[in-house]
Amino acid sequence: MLHVSYRKARQDDFPRILQLLRNTVDDLLKNHGFYEISPFSSSRAPPPAPQQTFPWFEFALKEDSDGFWIAEVGEDLAGIGLSWVRGPLWYLAHLFVSPDHQGLNVGRSLLDKTFEHRSSVPITNRALMTFAYNPVSISLYTRYGMYAREPLYSMEAPREQIPKHDLDLKVKPEKINDFQAHRKALSEIDLKNTGYVRDKNHEFLHSLPTVQCYLFMVDKELVGYSYAWKNGRIGPLAALSHSTFKDIVRYSIGLAAGSDAQYVGMLVTGSNETLMKIALENKMRIVDNYLFMSSSPLPNFSNYVLYPTGSLL
C-alpha cells in the first residue's frame, strides 16, 4: 500500500491546494452531471491568474493553522483538510481527497487531524456543508456524529432575466467599509440568527475587493446586513425579523441585477419557504444542491442566507 504522510499546510502549498480543490470538485461534478451548471465548476470559474493570490488560505493559515492539514503520497498532494473554530463552534471548511488517492483512508485521517483543532472554550457543535450527491462523504461525516439538517439549493438566473419589481421597501441600506466600527452590530445579528459570533469571518470578507457589505436600518434601528459580490452572488445575509428579511433579500437581488455580473444567485435553505418563493419569483433555477450537516441543530435559518464557501456559514 502507498505511504501517506500528513503535515500542517504551508504558504508554498497554496497553488497545489487550489489545483487539488478544482480537480476534485470537477471530477465529482462531472460524475453527477453538474459540471456545466454548478457555480463551483472550473467551467464557471475564472482561470488562475499568473500571480494568483490566496486570501482565504492565507487567512486560514494565520487564524486557524491548527486545523489546516495536507496529505501527501511521495511528492503528490493527496488531500486537504481545513477547519475553523469560532468560540464553541467548529466548522469544516474543506475536506477533499484527490481522485487518484481514494481508498487510502486519507479523508478519515484528515478529519481526525482537524478534529483536534482546539478552542479556548469547549466545542459544543460541529458543522459543515457538503455536496448532497456525495454519499461517501455524507456517510463519513455521519459516523463522526454530524447529521444532515438542511437541504441547500444553489439557485440563480441570468441577470437580464431578473424581473424589474416596483418594491416598496421599509429598509434603508448603508454601505459600510469600516469593519471595526460595525463589528459589534454584525456579531449581535449573527448571535441571534445562528447562535455564534463569527467576527473573524466578517473581518476576512471586509478585506476582499470583490464583495461589499450593507447594513439595513428601519427608522434608524439596525435590522440586518447583506453581502453583495461582484460575481452576482448574495450572502451571507441576516435579519432580525422575517418581514425585514424579505425586504433585505429583495433589495440585495435588485442590487445584484443592477451589476455587471452574468448571473444573480444565492443559496436557498430547504426549510425557508419565503426564500424559495423569492428565488422563484425572480426566475431562478436550481444549479446545484448540498447538505448542511451538524452535530447539534442550529437555530432555524428563516431569517438567514448562507454563502457557499468554506469561510462562512
C-alpha atoms as a PDB file:
ATOM      1  CA  MET A   1       0.000   0.000   0.000  1.00  0.00           C
ATOM      2  CA  LEU A   2       1.177   3.535  -0.732  1.00  0.00           C
ATOM      3  CA  HIS A   3       2.549   5.504   2.221  1.00  0.00           C
ATOM      4  CA  VAL A   4       0.583   8.640   3.119  1.00  0.00           C
ATOM      5  CA  SER A   5       2.198  11.369   5.205  1.00  0.00           C
ATOM      6  CA  TYR A   6       0.419  14.236   6.945  1.00  0.00           C
ATOM      7  CA  ARG A   7       1.620  17.703   7.935  1.00  0.00           C
ATOM      8  CA  LYS A   8       0.404  21.232   8.555  1.00  0.00           C
ATOM      9  CA  ALA A   9      -0.128  23.323   5.433  1.00  0.00           C
ATOM     10  CA  ARG A  10       2.395  25.972   4.427  1.00  0.00           C
ATOM     11  CA  GLN A  11       2.090  29.037   2.235  1.00  0.00           C
ATOM     12  CA  ASP A  12       4.048  27.418  -0.594  1.00  0.00           C
ATOM     13  CA  ASP A  13       1.377  24.674  -0.706  1.00  0.00           C
ATOM     14  CA  PHE A  14      -1.378  27.098  -1.754  1.00  0.00           C
ATOM     15  CA  PRO A  15      -1.114  26.720  -5.572  1.00  0.00           C
ATOM     16  CA  ARG A  16      -1.229  22.913  -5.267  1.00  0.00           C
ATOM     17  CA  ILE A  17      -4.131  23.076  -2.807  1.00  0.00           C
ATOM     18  CA  LEU A  18      -6.179  25.250  -5.161  1.00  0.00           C
ATOM     19  CA  GLN A  19      -5.492  22.891  -8.055  1.00  0.00           C
ATOM     20  CA  LEU A  20      -6.496  19.872  -5.963  1.00  0.00           C
ATOM     21  CA  LEU A  21      -9.759  21.561  -4.971  1.00  0.00           C
ATOM     22  CA  ARG A  22     -10.533  22.377  -8.606  1.00  0.00           C
ATOM     23  CA  ASN A  23      -9.689  18.878  -9.863  1.00  0.00           C
ATOM     24  CA  THR A  24     -11.566  17.061  -7.112  1.00  0.00           C
ATOM     25  CA  VAL A  25     -14.717  19.170  -7.363  1.00  0.00           C
ATOM     26  CA  ASP A  26     -14.686  18.998 -11.162  1.00  0.00           C
ATOM     27  CA  ASP A  27     -14.407  15.196 -11.016  1.00  0.00           C
ATOM     28  CA  LEU A  28     -17.387  14.973  -8.659  1.00  0.00           C
ATOM     29  CA  LEU A  29     -19.499  17.385 -10.717  1.00  0.00           C
ATOM     30  CA  LYS A  30     -18.756  15.567 -13.975  1.00  0.00           C
ATOM     31  CA  ASN A  31     -19.680  12.226 -12.425  1.00  0.00           C
ATOM     32  CA  HIS A  32     -23.088  13.591 -11.374  1.00  0.00           C
ATOM     33  CA  GLY A  33     -23.952  15.813 -14.342  1.00  0.00           C
ATOM     34  CA  PHE A  34     -23.499  19.213 -12.696  1.00  0.00           C
ATOM     35  CA  TYR A  35     -20.235  20.306 -14.287  1.00  0.00           C
ATOM     36  CA  GLU A  36     -21.687  22.726 -16.847  1.00  0.00           C
ATOM     37  CA  ILE A  37     -24.061  24.493 -14.455  1.00  0.00           C
ATOM     38  CA  SER A  38     -22.594  24.381 -10.936  1.00  0.00           C
ATOM     39  CA  PRO A  39     -21.064  27.681  -9.738  1.00  0.00           C
ATOM     40  CA  PHE A  40     -18.219  25.603  -8.270  1.00  0.00           C
ATOM     41  CA  SER A  41     -17.044  24.070 -11.571  1.00  0.00           C
ATOM     42  CA  SER A  42     -13.927  25.238 -13.411  1.00  0.00           C
ATOM     43  CA  SER A  43     -16.157  25.911 -16.413  1.00  0.00           C
ATOM     44  CA  ARG A  44     -17.795  28.722 -14.439  1.00  0.00           C
ATOM     45  CA  ALA A  45     -14.731  29.994 -12.577  1.00  0.00           C
ATOM     46  CA  PRO A  46     -12.134  32.399 -13.960  1.00  0.00           C
ATOM     47  CA  PRO A  47      -8.784  30.731 -14.754  1.00  0.00           C
ATOM     48  CA  PRO A  48      -5.996  31.246 -12.203  1.00  0.00           C
ATOM     49  CA  ALA A  49      -4.110  34.491 -12.731  1.00  0.00           C
ATOM     50  CA  PRO A  50      -0.333  34.315 -13.362  1.00  0.00           C
ATOM     51  CA  GLN A  51       0.241  35.982  -9.990  1.00  0.00           C
ATOM     52  CA  GLN A  52      -2.636  34.239  -8.209  1.00  0.00           C
ATOM     53  CA  THR A  53      -3.211  35.326  -4.619  1.00  0.00           C
ATOM     54  CA  PHE A  54      -4.798  33.106  -1.981  1.00  0.00           C
ATOM     55  CA  PRO A  55      -6.509  35.358   0.581  1.00  0.00           C
ATOM     56  CA  TRP A  56      -8.692  32.617   2.094  1.00  0.00           C
ATOM     57  CA  PHE A  57      -5.807  30.176   2.550  1.00  0.00           C
ATOM     58  CA  GLU A  58      -3.596  32.952   3.925  1.00  0.00           C
ATOM     59  CA  PHE A  59      -6.312  33.945   6.376  1.00  0.00           C
ATOM     60  CA  ALA A  60      -6.857  30.326   7.432  1.00  0.00           C
ATOM     61  CA  LEU A  61      -3.137  29.777   7.959  1.00  0.00           C
ATOM     62  CA  LYS A  62      -2.961  32.897  10.120  1.00  0.00           C
ATOM     63  CA  GLU A  63      -6.103  32.314  12.194  1.00  0.00           C
ATOM     64  CA  ASP A  64      -6.628  28.522  12.188  1.00  0.00           C
ATOM     65  CA  SER A  65      -3.330  26.826  11.364  1.00  0.00           C
ATOM     66  CA  ASP A  66      -4.107  24.017  13.836  1.00  0.00           C
ATOM     67  CA  GLY A  67      -6.948  22.961  11.561  1.00  0.00           C
ATOM     68  CA  PHE A  68      -5.118  23.266   8.221  1.00  0.00           C
ATOM     69  CA  TRP A  69      -3.635  19.918   7.110  1.00  0.00           C
ATOM     70  CA  ILE A  70      -2.478  18.288   3.900  1.00  0.00           C
ATOM     71  CA  ALA A  71      -1.822  14.655   2.961  1.00  0.00           C
ATOM     72  CA  GLU A  72       0.963  13.653   0.579  1.00  0.00           C
ATOM     73  CA  VAL A  73       1.926  10.475  -1.241  1.00  0.00           C
ATOM     74  CA  GLY A  74       5.520  10.982  -2.241  1.00  0.00           C
ATOM     75  CA  GLU A  75       5.574  14.366  -3.951  1.00  0.00           C
ATOM     76  CA  ASP A  76       1.857  14.243  -4.826  1.00  0.00           C
ATOM     77  CA  LEU A  77      -0.756  16.193  -2.889  1.00  0.00           C
ATOM     78  CA  ALA A  78      -3.326  13.557  -1.904  1.00  0.00           C
ATOM     79  CA  GLY A  79      -5.759  15.599   0.183  1.00  0.00           C
ATOM     80  CA  ILE A  80      -6.535  18.690   2.221  1.00  0.00           C
ATOM     81  CA  GLY A  81      -8.455  19.214   5.451  1.00  0.00           C
ATOM     82  CA  LEU A  82      -9.256  22.680   6.766  1.00  0.00           C
ATOM     83  CA  SER A  83     -11.407  23.610   9.757  1.00  0.00           C
ATOM     84  CA  TRP A  84     -12.001  26.856  11.599  1.00  0.00           C
ATOM     85  CA  VAL A  85     -13.115  27.454  15.170  1.00  0.00           C
ATOM     86  CA  ARG A  86     -15.159  30.372  16.488  1.00  0.00           C
ATOM     87  CA  GLY A  87     -15.791  30.037  20.206  1.00  0.00           C
ATOM     88  CA  PRO A  88     -17.714  26.777  20.761  1.00  0.00           C
ATOM     89  CA  LEU A  89     -18.343  26.207  17.023  1.00  0.00           C
ATOM     90  CA  TRP A  90     -16.044  24.004  14.895  1.00  0.00           C
ATOM     91  CA  TYR A  91     -16.651  24.244  11.137  1.00  0.00           C
ATOM     92  CA  LEU A  92     -15.171  22.039   8.424  1.00  0.00           C
ATOM     93  CA  ALA A  93     -14.397  24.372   5.544  1.00  0.00           C
ATOM     94  CA  HIS A  94     -12.704  21.860   3.226  1.00  0.00           C
ATOM     95  CA  LEU A  95     -12.114  18.105   3.121  1.00  0.00           C
ATOM     96  CA  PHE A  96     -11.051  16.886  -0.312  1.00  0.00           C
ATOM     97  CA  VAL A  97      -9.122  13.831  -1.449  1.00  0.00           C
ATOM     98  CA  SER A  98      -7.562  13.552  -4.897  1.00  0.00           C
ATOM     99  CA  PRO A  99      -9.412  11.059  -7.153  1.00  0.00           C
ATOM    100  CA  ASP A 100      -6.051   9.318  -7.669  1.00  0.00           C
ATOM    101  CA  HIS A 101      -5.692   8.625  -3.953  1.00  0.00           C
ATOM    102  CA  GLN A 102      -9.111   7.327  -2.937  1.00  0.00           C
ATOM    103  CA  GLY A 103      -9.233   4.187  -0.824  1.00  0.00           C
ATOM    104  CA  LEU A 104      -6.245   5.058   1.384  1.00  0.00           C
ATOM    105  CA  ASN A 105      -8.317   6.403   4.330  1.00  0.00           C
ATOM    106  CA  VAL A 106      -6.968   9.880   3.571  1.00  0.00           C
ATOM    107  CA  GLY A 107     -10.315  11.575   4.228  1.00  0.00           C
ATOM    108  CA  ARG A 108     -10.804   9.890   7.592  1.00  0.00           C
ATOM    109  CA  SER A 109      -7.228  10.668   8.681  1.00  0.00           C
ATOM    110  CA  LEU A 110      -7.522  14.336   7.683  1.00  0.00           C
ATOM    111  CA  LEU A 111     -10.830  14.600   9.510  1.00  0.00           C
ATOM    112  CA  ASP A 112      -9.176  13.149  12.621  1.00  0.00           C
ATOM    113  CA  LYS A 113      -6.456  15.801  12.335  1.00  0.00           C
ATOM    114  CA  THR A 114      -8.937  18.662  12.036  1.00  0.00           C
ATOM    115  CA  PHE A 115     -10.997  17.285  14.948  1.00  0.00           C
ATOM    116  CA  GLU A 116      -8.005  18.042  17.173  1.00  0.00           C
ATOM    117  CA  HIS A 117      -8.385  21.757  16.374  1.00  0.00           C
ATOM    118  CA  ARG A 118      -8.567  23.422  19.777  1.00  0.00           C
ATOM    119  CA  SER A 119     -10.729  26.233  21.098  1.00  0.00           C
ATOM    120  CA  SER A 120     -10.399  28.478  24.118  1.00  0.00           C
ATOM    121  CA  VAL A 121     -13.841  27.161  25.157  1.00  0.00           C
ATOM    122  CA  PRO A 122     -15.276  23.632  24.842  1.00  0.00           C
ATOM    123  CA  ILE A 123     -16.610  22.772  21.374  1.00  0.00           C
ATOM    124  CA  THR A 124     -20.396  22.323  21.579  1.00  0.00           C
ATOM    125  CA  ASN A 125     -21.198  21.964  17.886  1.00  0.00           C
ATOM    126  CA  ARG A 126     -19.515  20.814  14.678  1.00  0.00           C
ATOM    127  CA  ALA A 127     -20.877  21.756  11.272  1.00  0.00           C
ATOM    128  CA  LEU A 128     -20.134  21.645   7.550  1.00  0.00           C
ATOM    129  CA  MET A 129     -21.653  21.864   4.082  1.00  0.00           C
ATOM    130  CA  THR A 130     -21.184  19.097   1.518  1.00  0.00           C
ATOM    131  CA  PHE A 131     -22.497  18.050  -1.878  1.00  0.00           C
ATOM    132  CA  ALA A 132     -25.843  16.281  -1.491  1.00  0.00           C
ATOM    133  CA  TYR A 133     -24.894  13.627  -4.079  1.00  0.00           C
ATOM    134  CA  ASN A 134     -21.657  12.526  -2.402  1.00  0.00           C
ATOM    135  CA  PRO A 135     -22.773   9.543  -0.251  1.00  0.00           C
ATOM    136  CA  VAL A 136     -19.205   8.583   0.695  1.00  0.00           C
ATOM    137  CA  SER A 137     -18.586  11.951   2.380  1.00  0.00           C
ATOM    138  CA  ILE A 138     -22.052  12.070   3.936  1.00  0.00           C
ATOM    139  CA  SER A 139     -21.527   8.613   5.451  1.00  0.00           C
ATOM    140  CA  LEU A 140     -18.126   9.645   6.811  1.00  0.00           C
ATOM    141  CA  TYR A 141     -19.483  12.777   8.487  1.00  0.00           C
ATOM    142  CA  THR A 142     -22.438  10.850   9.903  1.00  0.00           C
ATOM    143  CA  ARG A 143     -20.088   8.354  11.545  1.00  0.00           C
ATOM    144  CA  TYR A 144     -18.417  11.331  13.231  1.00  0.00           C
ATOM    145  CA  GLY A 145     -21.729  12.465  14.704  1.00  0.00           C
ATOM    146  CA  MET A 146     -22.637  15.180  12.194  1.00  0.00           C
ATOM    147  CA  TYR A 147     -26.089  14.637  10.716  1.00  0.00           C
ATOM    148  CA  ALA A 148     -27.964  16.123   7.773  1.00  0.00           C
ATOM    149  CA  ARG A 149     -30.008  19.111   8.991  1.00  0.00           C
ATOM    150  CA  GLU A 150     -30.874  21.174   5.897  1.00  0.00           C
ATOM    151  CA  PRO A 151     -31.068  20.650   2.144  1.00  0.00           C
ATOM    152  CA  LEU A 152     -29.412  23.589   0.379  1.00  0.00           C
ATOM    153  CA  TYR A 153     -30.064  24.676  -3.212  1.00  0.00           C
ATOM    154  CA  SER A 154     -27.771  26.895  -5.230  1.00  0.00           C
ATOM    155  CA  MET A 155     -30.205  28.924  -7.352  1.00  0.00           C
ATOM    156  CA  GLU A 156     -29.525  31.542  -9.988  1.00  0.00           C
ATOM    157  CA  ALA A 157     -30.837  33.330 -13.064  1.00  0.00           C
ATOM    158  CA  PRO A 158     -29.159  35.276 -15.862  1.00  0.00           C
ATOM    159  CA  ARG A 159     -29.004  38.890 -14.756  1.00  0.00           C
ATOM    160  CA  GLU A 160     -31.040  40.167 -17.684  1.00  0.00           C
ATOM    161  CA  GLN A 161     -33.882  37.742 -16.847  1.00  0.00           C
ATOM    162  CA  ILE A 162     -34.402  39.061 -13.307  1.00  0.00           C
ATOM    163  CA  PRO A 163     -37.800  40.828 -13.366  1.00  0.00           C
ATOM    164  CA  LYS A 164     -37.893  44.509 -12.514  1.00  0.00           C
ATOM    165  CA  HIS A 165     -40.068  44.850  -9.421  1.00  0.00           C
ATOM    166  CA  ASP A 166     -41.575  48.034  -8.028  1.00  0.00           C
ATOM    167  CA  LEU A 167     -40.571  47.448  -4.439  1.00  0.00           C
ATOM    168  CA  ASP A 168     -41.878  49.477  -1.529  1.00  0.00           C
ATOM    169  CA  LEU A 169     -39.184  48.599   0.955  1.00  0.00           C
ATOM    170  CA  LYS A 170     -39.042  49.850   4.515  1.00  0.00           C
ATOM    171  CA  VAL A 171     -35.365  49.052   4.949  1.00  0.00           C
ATOM    172  CA  LYS A 172     -32.713  51.654   4.211  1.00  0.00           C
ATOM    173  CA  PRO A 173     -29.303  50.308   3.142  1.00  0.00           C
ATOM    174  CA  GLU A 174     -25.981  51.752   4.228  1.00  0.00           C
ATOM    175  CA  LYS A 175     -22.766  50.708   2.510  1.00  0.00           C
ATOM    176  CA  ILE A 176     -20.057  50.078   5.106  1.00  0.00           C
ATOM    177  CA  ASN A 177     -16.303  49.749   4.725  1.00  0.00           C
ATOM    178  CA  ASP A 178     -15.050  50.150   8.302  1.00  0.00           C
ATOM    179  CA  PHE A 179     -15.354  46.690   9.842  1.00  0.00           C
ATOM    180  CA  GLN A 180     -14.130  47.675  13.293  1.00  0.00           C
ATOM    181  CA  ALA A 181     -16.801  50.350  13.606  1.00  0.00           C
ATOM    182  CA  HIS A 182     -19.531  47.777  12.936  1.00  0.00           C
ATOM    183  CA  ARG A 183     -18.024  44.630  14.484  1.00  0.00           C
ATOM    184  CA  LYS A 184     -20.391  44.622  17.456  1.00  0.00           C
ATOM    185  CA  ALA A 185     -23.508  45.146  15.332  1.00  0.00           C
ATOM    186  CA  LEU A 186     -22.649  42.298  12.949  1.00  0.00           C
ATOM    187  CA  SER A 187     -21.866  39.970  15.859  1.00  0.00           C
ATOM    188  CA  GLU A 188     -25.181  40.716  17.584  1.00  0.00           C
ATOM    189  CA  ILE A 189     -27.129  39.884  14.422  1.00  0.00           C
ATOM    190  CA  ASP A 190     -25.197  36.632  13.944  1.00  0.00           C
ATOM    191  CA  LEU A 191     -25.710  35.601  17.540  1.00  0.00           C
ATOM    192  CA  LYS A 192     -29.479  35.958  17.197  1.00  0.00           C
ATOM    193  CA  ASN A 193     -29.587  34.035  13.898  1.00  0.00           C
ATOM    194  CA  THR A 194     -27.002  31.259  14.138  1.00  0.00           C
ATOM    195  CA  GLY A 195     -26.161  31.271  17.830  1.00  0.00           C
ATOM    196  CA  TYR A 196     -22.484  32.031  17.140  1.00  0.00           C
ATOM    197  CA  VAL A 197     -20.269  35.086  16.739  1.00  0.00           C
ATOM    198  CA  ARG A 198     -18.044  34.995  13.636  1.00  0.00           C
ATOM    199  CA  ASP A 199     -16.321  38.372  13.696  1.00  0.00           C
ATOM    200  CA  LYS A 200     -13.140  36.970  12.127  1.00  0.00           C
ATOM    201  CA  ASN A 201     -15.172  35.803   9.123  1.00  0.00           C
ATOM    202  CA  HIS A 202     -16.626  39.276   8.712  1.00  0.00           C
ATOM    203  CA  GLU A 203     -13.163  40.777   9.033  1.00  0.00           C
ATOM    204  CA  PHE A 204     -11.977  38.497   6.225  1.00  0.00           C
ATOM    205  CA  LEU A 205     -14.885  39.495   3.978  1.00  0.00           C
ATOM    206  CA  HIS A 206     -14.199  43.166   4.562  1.00  0.00           C
ATOM    207  CA  SER A 207     -10.624  42.635   3.355  1.00  0.00           C
ATOM    208  CA  LEU A 208     -11.759  41.439  -0.091  1.00  0.00           C
ATOM    209  CA  PRO A 209     -12.173  43.793  -3.061  1.00  0.00           C
ATOM    210  CA  THR A 210     -14.821  41.524  -4.607  1.00  0.00           C
ATOM    211  CA  VAL A 211     -17.603  41.986  -2.035  1.00  0.00           C
ATOM    212  CA  GLN A 212     -19.445  44.860  -0.386  1.00  0.00           C
ATOM    213  CA  CYS A 213     -21.231  44.788   2.969  1.00  0.00           C
ATOM    214  CA  TYR A 214     -24.504  46.654   3.560  1.00  0.00           C
ATOM    215  CA  LEU A 215     -26.252  47.335   6.848  1.00  0.00           C
ATOM    216  CA  PHE A 216     -30.013  47.870   6.826  1.00  0.00           C
ATOM    217  CA  MET A 217     -31.935  50.239   9.026  1.00  0.00           C
ATOM    218  CA  VAL A 218     -35.613  50.859   9.788  1.00  0.00           C
ATOM    219  CA  ASP A 219     -36.238  54.220  11.483  1.00  0.00           C
ATOM    220  CA  LYS A 220     -32.524  54.385  12.411  1.00  0.00           C
ATOM    221  CA  GLU A 221     -32.687  50.944  14.049  1.00  0.00           C
ATOM    222  CA  LEU A 222     -30.343  48.249  12.746  1.00  0.00           C
ATOM    223  CA  VAL A 223     -32.318  45.281  11.387  1.00  0.00           C
ATOM    224  CA  GLY A 224     -29.877  43.252   9.275  1.00  0.00           C
ATOM    225  CA  TYR A 225     -26.932  43.004   6.903  1.00  0.00           C
ATOM    226  CA  SER A 226     -26.123  41.619   3.467  1.00  0.00           C
ATOM    227  CA  TYR A 227     -23.009  40.974   1.377  1.00  0.00           C
ATOM    228  CA  ALA A 228     -23.159  41.633  -2.362  1.00  0.00           C
ATOM    229  CA  TRP A 229     -20.475  40.013  -4.559  1.00  0.00           C
ATOM    230  CA  LYS A 230     -19.199  41.270  -7.889  1.00  0.00           C
ATOM    231  CA  ASN A 231     -19.980  37.855  -9.370  1.00  0.00           C
ATOM    232  CA  GLY A 232     -23.685  38.386  -8.615  1.00  0.00           C
ATOM    233  CA  ARG A 233     -23.874  36.120  -5.582  1.00  0.00           C
ATOM    234  CA  ILE A 234     -25.725  37.199  -2.436  1.00  0.00           C
ATOM    235  CA  GLY A 235     -24.784  36.312   1.131  1.00  0.00           C
ATOM    236  CA  PRO A 236     -24.239  35.851   3.892  1.00  0.00           C
ATOM    237  CA  LEU A 237     -27.379  37.786   4.735  1.00  0.00           C
ATOM    238  CA  ALA A 238     -29.144  38.056   8.079  1.00  0.00           C
ATOM    239  CA  ALA A 239     -32.113  39.917   9.534  1.00  0.00           C
ATOM    240  CA  LEU A 240     -33.649  40.337  12.958  1.00  0.00           C
ATOM    241  CA  SER A 241     -37.236  39.742  11.780  1.00  0.00           C
ATOM    242  CA  HIS A 242     -38.925  37.897   8.956  1.00  0.00           C
ATOM    243  CA  SER A 243     -40.546  41.000   7.495  1.00  0.00           C
ATOM    244  CA  THR A 244     -37.233  42.835   7.223  1.00  0.00           C
ATOM    245  CA  PHE A 245     -35.594  39.620   5.966  1.00  0.00           C
ATOM    246  CA  LYS A 246     -37.858  39.645   2.899  1.00  0.00           C
ATOM    247  CA  ASP A 247     -37.082  43.293   2.201  1.00  0.00           C
ATOM    248  CA  ILE A 248     -33.325  42.777   2.565  1.00  0.00           C
ATOM    249  CA  VAL A 249     -33.333  39.755   0.228  1.00  0.00           C
ATOM    250  CA  ARG A 250     -35.339  41.607  -2.417  1.00  0.00           C
ATOM    251  CA  TYR A 251     -33.110  44.672  -2.182  1.00  0.00           C
ATOM    252  CA  SER A 252     -29.995  42.503  -2.480  1.00  0.00           C
ATOM    253  CA  ILE A 253     -31.329  40.739  -5.571  1.00  0.00           C
ATOM    254  CA  GLY A 254     -32.131  44.084  -7.168  1.00  0.00           C
ATOM    255  CA  LEU A 255     -28.649  45.306  -6.344  1.00  0.00           C
ATOM    256  CA  ALA A 256     -27.064  42.242  -7.972  1.00  0.00           C
ATOM    257  CA  ALA A 257     -29.329  42.588 -11.007  1.00  0.00           C
ATOM    258  CA  GLY A 258     -28.019  46.122 -11.484  1.00  0.00           C
ATOM    259  CA  SER A 259     -24.408  44.968 -11.567  1.00  0.00           C
ATOM    260  CA  ASP A 260     -22.280  43.714 -14.464  1.00  0.00           C
ATOM    261  CA  ALA A 261     -22.434  40.089 -13.284  1.00  0.00           C
ATOM    262  CA  GLN A 262     -23.618  37.459 -15.758  1.00  0.00           C
ATOM    263  CA  TYR A 263     -25.747  35.643 -13.160  1.00  0.00           C
ATOM    264  CA  VAL A 264     -27.572  36.563  -9.959  1.00  0.00           C
ATOM    265  CA  GLY A 265     -27.692  33.780  -7.392  1.00  0.00           C
ATOM    266  CA  MET A 266     -27.959  32.706  -3.786  1.00  0.00           C
ATOM    267  CA  LEU A 267     -28.063  29.617  -1.608  1.00  0.00           C
ATOM    268  CA  VAL A 268     -31.607  28.684  -0.547  1.00  0.00           C
ATOM    269  CA  THR A 269     -32.239  26.579   2.554  1.00  0.00           C
ATOM    270  CA  GLY A 270     -34.904  23.927   2.089  1.00  0.00           C
ATOM    271  CA  SER A 271     -36.866  24.897   5.202  1.00  0.00           C
ATOM    272  CA  ASN A 272     -37.079  28.568   4.204  1.00  0.00           C
ATOM    273  CA  GLU A 273     -40.242  28.698   2.128  1.00  0.00           C
ATOM    274  CA  THR A 274     -40.143  32.501   1.904  1.00  0.00           C
ATOM    275  CA  LEU A 275     -36.636  32.481   0.451  1.00  0.00           C
ATOM    276  CA  MET A 276     -37.582  29.809  -2.102  1.00  0.00           C
ATOM    277  CA  LYS A 277     -40.616  31.838  -3.213  1.00  0.00           C
ATOM    278  CA  ILE A 278     -38.465  34.960  -3.658  1.00  0.00           C
ATOM    279  CA  ALA A 279     -35.949  32.955  -5.711  1.00  0.00           C
ATOM    280  CA  LEU A 280     -38.710  31.586  -7.929  1.00  0.00           C
ATOM    281  CA  GLU A 281     -40.389  34.958  -8.412  1.00  0.00           C
ATOM    282  CA  ASN A 282     -37.010  36.146  -9.727  1.00  0.00           C
ATOM    283  CA  LYS A 283     -36.859  33.298 -12.289  1.00  0.00           C
ATOM    284  CA  MET A 284     -34.026  31.474 -10.510  1.00  0.00           C
ATOM    285  CA  ARG A 285     -33.464  27.763 -11.064  1.00  0.00           C
ATOM    286  CA  ILE A 286     -31.539  25.133  -9.134  1.00  0.00           C
ATOM    287  CA  VAL A 287     -27.990  24.630 -10.452  1.00  0.00           C
ATOM    288  CA  ASP A 288     -26.526  22.532  -7.630  1.00  0.00           C
ATOM    289  CA  ASN A 289     -27.543  21.067  -4.293  1.00  0.00           C
ATOM    290  CA  TYR A 290     -25.846  20.477  -0.961  1.00  0.00           C
ATOM    291  CA  LEU A 291     -26.481  19.403   2.607  1.00  0.00           C
ATOM    292  CA  PHE A 292     -25.856  21.337   5.779  1.00  0.00           C
ATOM    293  CA  MET A 293     -24.722  18.903   8.479  1.00  0.00           C
ATOM    294  CA  SER A 294     -24.032  19.438  12.171  1.00  0.00           C
ATOM    295  CA  SER A 295     -23.707  17.564  15.429  1.00  0.00           C
ATOM    296  CA  SER A 296     -26.426  19.721  17.040  1.00  0.00           C
ATOM    297  CA  PRO A 297     -29.211  21.683  15.360  1.00  0.00           C
ATOM    298  CA  LEU A 298     -28.572  25.357  14.763  1.00  0.00           C
ATOM    299  CA  PRO A 299     -31.312  27.948  15.240  1.00  0.00           C
ATOM    300  CA  ASN A 300     -33.576  27.914  12.209  1.00  0.00           C
ATOM    301  CA  PHE A 301     -32.477  29.678   9.027  1.00  0.00           C
ATOM    302  CA  SER A 302     -35.755  31.534   8.482  1.00  0.00           C
ATOM    303  CA  ASN A 303     -34.014  34.928   8.542  1.00  0.00           C
ATOM    304  CA  TYR A 304     -30.651  33.898   7.129  1.00  0.00           C
ATOM    305  CA  VAL A 305     -28.959  33.247   3.782  1.00  0.00           C
ATOM    306  CA  LEU A 306     -25.788  31.168   3.823  1.00  0.00           C
ATOM    307  CA  TYR A 307     -22.909  31.746   1.444  1.00  0.00           C
ATOM    308  CA  PRO A 308     -21.427  28.552  -0.072  1.00  0.00           C
ATOM    309  CA  THR A 309     -17.734  28.924   0.649  1.00  0.00           C
ATOM    310  CA  GLY A 310     -15.504  27.332   3.205  1.00  0.00           C
ATOM    311  CA  SER A 311     -15.014  30.605   5.009  1.00  0.00           C
ATOM    312  CA  LEU A 312     -18.615  31.098   6.031  1.00  0.00           C
ATOM    313  CA  LEU A 313     -21.791  29.523   7.255  1.00  0.00           C
END
